[in-house]
C-alpha atoms as a PDB file:
ATOM      1  CA  MET A   1      25.371 150.882 170.601  1.00  0.00           C
ATOM      2  CA  VAL A   2      24.911 147.564 168.875  1.00  0.00           C
ATOM      3  CA  PRO A   3      21.614 147.796 166.967  1.00  0.00           C
ATOM      4  CA  ASP A   4      21.602 144.153 165.792  1.00  0.00           C
ATOM      5  CA  ILE A   5      23.909 141.744 167.564  1.00  0.00           C
ATOM      6  CA  SER A   6      23.308 139.023 164.948  1.00  0.00           C
ATOM      7  CA  LYS A   7      25.483 141.077 162.576  1.00  0.00           C
ATOM      8  CA  GLU A   8      28.447 141.079 164.992  1.00  0.00           C
ATOM      9  CA  THR A   9      30.878 138.183 164.636  1.00  0.00           C
ATOM     10  CA  ASN A  10      32.548 138.722 168.009  1.00  0.00           C
ATOM     11  CA  TYR A  11      29.468 139.348 170.180  1.00  0.00           C
ATOM     12  CA  LEU A  12      29.057 137.217 173.288  1.00  0.00           C
ATOM     13  CA  SER A  13      25.516 137.354 174.603  1.00  0.00           C
ATOM     14  CA  CYS A  14      24.449 136.458 178.110  1.00  0.00           C
ATOM     15  CA  SER A  15      21.013 135.447 176.770  1.00  0.00           C
ATOM     16  CA  PRO A  16      19.825 134.040 173.445  1.00  0.00           C
ATOM     17  CA  MET A  17      16.912 136.517 173.593  1.00  0.00           C
ATOM     18  CA  VAL A  18      19.182 139.593 173.283  1.00  0.00           C
ATOM     19  CA  LYS A  19      18.822 141.407 169.968  1.00  0.00           C
ATOM     20  CA  SER A  20      20.506 144.764 170.653  1.00  0.00           C
ATOM     21  CA  GLU A  21      22.645 146.395 173.311  1.00  0.00           C
ATOM     22  CA  ILE A  22      23.987 149.699 174.558  1.00  0.00           C
ATOM     23  CA  VAL A  23      27.106 149.959 176.722  1.00  0.00           C
ATOM     24  CA  LEU A  24      28.430 153.196 178.200  1.00  0.00           C
ATOM     25  CA  PRO A  25      31.452 153.715 180.456  1.00  0.00           C
ATOM     26  CA  ILE A  26      31.330 155.151 183.951  1.00  0.00           C
ATOM     27  CA  LEU A  27      34.464 157.322 183.996  1.00  0.00           C
ATOM     28  CA  LYS A  28      36.350 159.403 186.530  1.00  0.00           C
ATOM     29  CA  ALA A  29      39.293 161.463 185.260  1.00  0.00           C
ATOM     30  CA  GLY A  30      39.670 159.156 182.272  1.00  0.00           C
ATOM     31  CA  GLU A  31      39.693 156.022 184.448  1.00  0.00           C
ATOM     32  CA  ILE A  32      36.987 153.429 183.864  1.00  0.00           C
ATOM     33  CA  LEU A  33      35.140 152.738 187.109  1.00  0.00           C
ATOM     34  CA  GLY A  34      32.477 150.535 185.541  1.00  0.00           C
ATOM     35  CA  GLU A  35      29.955 150.389 182.762  1.00  0.00           C
ATOM     36  CA  LEU A  36      26.255 150.620 182.169  1.00  0.00           C
ATOM     37  CA  ASP A  37      25.287 147.662 179.977  1.00  0.00           C
ATOM     38  CA  ILE A  38      21.673 147.321 178.841  1.00  0.00           C
ATOM     39  CA  ASP A  39      20.373 144.548 176.587  1.00  0.00           C
ATOM     40  CA  SER A  40      17.094 144.469 174.676  1.00  0.00           C
ATOM     41  CA  HIS A  41      15.029 141.703 173.123  1.00  0.00           C
ATOM     42  CA  THR A  42      14.228 144.123 170.260  1.00  0.00           C
ATOM     43  CA  ILE A  43      16.444 144.879 167.267  1.00  0.00           C
ATOM     44  CA  ASP A  44      17.593 148.517 167.114  1.00  0.00           C
ATOM     45  CA  ALA A  45      16.013 149.286 170.487  1.00  0.00           C
ATOM     46  CA  PHE A  46      18.225 152.233 171.450  1.00  0.00           C
ATOM     47  CA  SER A  47      18.229 155.741 170.025  1.00  0.00           C
ATOM     48  CA  GLU A  48      20.612 158.692 170.318  1.00  0.00           C
ATOM     49  CA  GLU A  49      18.101 160.134 172.771  1.00  0.00           C
ATOM     50  CA  ASP A  50      18.478 157.000 174.922  1.00  0.00           C
ATOM     51  CA  ARG A  51      22.264 157.302 174.687  1.00  0.00           C
ATOM     52  CA  THR A  52      22.169 160.946 175.773  1.00  0.00           C
ATOM     53  CA  PHE A  53      19.939 160.140 178.743  1.00  0.00           C
ATOM     54  CA  LEU A  54      22.037 157.128 179.780  1.00  0.00           C
ATOM     55  CA  LEU A  55      25.232 159.206 179.611  1.00  0.00           C
ATOM     56  CA  LYS A  56      23.621 161.504 182.186  1.00  0.00           C
ATOM     57  CA  VAL A  57      22.938 158.429 184.327  1.00  0.00           C
ATOM     58  CA  CYS A  58      26.623 157.461 184.018  1.00  0.00           C
ATOM     59  CA  TYR A  59      27.717 160.978 185.019  1.00  0.00           C
ATOM     60  CA  ALA A  60      25.418 160.803 188.053  1.00  0.00           C
ATOM     61  CA  ALA A  61      26.880 157.413 188.982  1.00  0.00           C
ATOM     62  CA  THR A  62      30.378 158.890 188.757  1.00  0.00           C
ATOM     63  CA  ARG A  63      29.440 161.715 191.119  1.00  0.00           C
ATOM     64  CA  LEU A  64      27.870 159.279 193.596  1.00  0.00           C
ATOM     65  CA  LEU A  65      30.916 157.021 193.517  1.00  0.00           C
ATOM     66  CA  GLN A  66      33.192 160.018 194.046  1.00  0.00           C
ATOM     67  CA  ARG A  67      31.135 161.214 197.037  1.00  0.00           C
ATOM     68  CA  SER A  68      31.163 157.713 198.487  1.00  0.00           C
ATOM     69  CA  GLN A  69      34.942 157.515 198.195  1.00  0.00           C
ATOM     70  CA  GLU A  70      35.332 160.943 199.785  1.00  0.00           C
ATOM     71  CA  ALA A  71      32.998 160.016 202.644  1.00  0.00           C
ATOM     72  CA  ARG A  72      35.084 156.930 203.431  1.00  0.00           C
ATOM     73  CA  LYS A  73      38.212 159.096 203.711  1.00  0.00           C
ATOM     74  CA  THR A  74      36.789 161.440 206.344  1.00  0.00           C
ATOM     75  CA  PRO A  75      37.109 160.269 209.954  1.00  0.00           C
END
């Protein structure tokens, strides 16, 4: 979580309106498959509760990606 991007010297924003961000990995067996990256126009917009919920979203995405890969393997 980046509560206030203005305090980060190496932050590259895709919009000048972004004030805070949360980024979580989508992992499978330690391999990064992607990431969930959410920006906000509000400083300190994300809480630990948000992080916990979004981690569950990432886990669900991992399971869906795994099922998709398995489905492509079956004739």
